Protein backbone atom coordinates (compact mmCIF):
# COMPACT_ATOMS: atom_id res chain seq x y z
CA MET A 1 -199.42 -6.55 -141.68
CA SER A 2 -200.47 -9.08 -144.20
CA ASP A 3 -204.33 -10.43 -144.17
CA ALA A 4 -203.28 -14.03 -143.35
CA LEU A 5 -200.80 -12.76 -140.84
CA GLU A 6 -203.59 -10.64 -138.97
CA ALA A 7 -206.37 -13.44 -139.34
CA ALA A 8 -203.41 -15.79 -137.88
CA ARG A 9 -203.07 -13.39 -134.89
CA LEU A 10 -207.13 -12.85 -134.37
CA ARG A 11 -207.31 -16.82 -134.20
CA CYS A 12 -204.28 -17.40 -131.56
CA LEU A 13 -206.22 -14.77 -129.47
CA ASP A 14 -209.31 -16.18 -129.73
CA ASP A 15 -207.64 -19.40 -128.46
CA VAL A 16 -206.13 -17.30 -126.01
CA ARG A 17 -209.83 -15.90 -124.67
CA LYS A 18 -210.94 -19.73 -124.54
CA LEU A 19 -208.32 -21.05 -122.62
CA THR A 20 -208.22 -18.46 -120.20
CA ALA A 21 -212.10 -18.72 -119.69
CA GLU A 22 -211.45 -22.76 -119.40
CA LEU A 23 -209.14 -22.47 -117.20
CA ARG A 24 -210.77 -20.20 -114.82
CA GLN A 25 -213.92 -22.87 -114.73
CA ALA A 26 -211.29 -25.08 -113.96
CA LYS A 27 -209.89 -23.68 -111.16
CA ALA A 28 -213.33 -22.75 -109.21
CA HIS A 29 -214.25 -26.65 -110.16
CA ALA A 30 -211.00 -27.32 -108.35
CA ASP A 31 -211.69 -25.20 -105.74
CA ASP A 32 -214.89 -26.35 -105.02
CA ILE A 33 -213.36 -30.24 -104.94
CA ASP A 34 -210.95 -28.64 -102.43
CA LYS A 35 -213.69 -27.86 -99.93
CA ARG A 36 -215.19 -31.31 -100.06
CA LEU A 37 -212.29 -32.64 -99.64
CA ARG A 38 -211.42 -30.31 -96.45
CA ALA A 39 -214.63 -31.32 -95.03
CA GLU A 40 -214.47 -35.11 -95.94
CA VAL A 41 -211.34 -34.97 -94.26
CA CYS A 42 -212.53 -33.36 -91.16
CA ARG A 43 -215.35 -35.61 -90.89
CA CYS A 44 -213.07 -39.12 -91.46
CA ALA A 45 -210.48 -37.51 -88.35
CA ASP A 46 -213.73 -37.12 -86.36
CA LEU A 47 -214.48 -40.82 -87.08
CA GLY A 48 -211.17 -41.71 -85.48
CA THR A 49 -209.10 -41.88 -88.98
CA SER A 50 -205.12 -40.78 -88.05
CA ASN A 51 -203.47 -37.70 -89.55
CA TYR A 52 -200.52 -39.98 -90.71
CA ARG A 53 -203.61 -42.11 -92.52
CA LEU A 54 -205.01 -38.90 -94.11
CA ALA A 55 -201.98 -37.73 -95.01
CA GLN A 56 -201.31 -41.27 -96.88
CA ILE A 57 -204.28 -40.77 -98.87
CA THR A 58 -204.27 -37.12 -99.79
CA GLY A 59 -200.71 -36.64 -100.30
CA TRP A 60 -200.94 -33.70 -97.81
CA SER A 61 -198.53 -33.26 -94.84
CA GLN A 62 -199.65 -34.71 -91.37
CA PRO A 63 -199.41 -31.00 -90.37
CA THR A 64 -201.32 -29.56 -93.28
CA ILE A 65 -204.15 -32.31 -91.90
CA LYS A 66 -203.76 -30.90 -88.33
CA THR A 67 -204.17 -27.27 -89.46
CA ILE A 68 -207.26 -28.57 -91.39
CA ARG A 69 -208.73 -30.03 -88.91
CA ASP A 70 -208.10 -26.71 -86.07
CA LYS A 71 -209.48 -24.52 -88.47
CA ASN A 72 -212.50 -26.70 -89.05
CA LEU A 73 -212.70 -27.12 -85.01
CA THR A 74 -212.74 -23.29 -84.59
CA LYS A 75 -215.10 -22.77 -87.46
CA ASN A 76 -217.50 -25.03 -85.74
CA ASN A 77 -217.22 -24.03 -82.18
């Protein structure tokens, strides 16, 4: 392999490593946001917000909202 090709390959692999690390970090951040959002959905529901309204805002289905609320009730009891 030529030196230029080998150097390009190594730079490419370095970029893949950096992007993989960046993606892992973004996923961890997204997981944290998801947990906070689910907790806030439950809090709003506890304050009387309908599943329909929460589904409109989040883009989740009403059954998903209900499942989140049910899991939260189970966890807190």
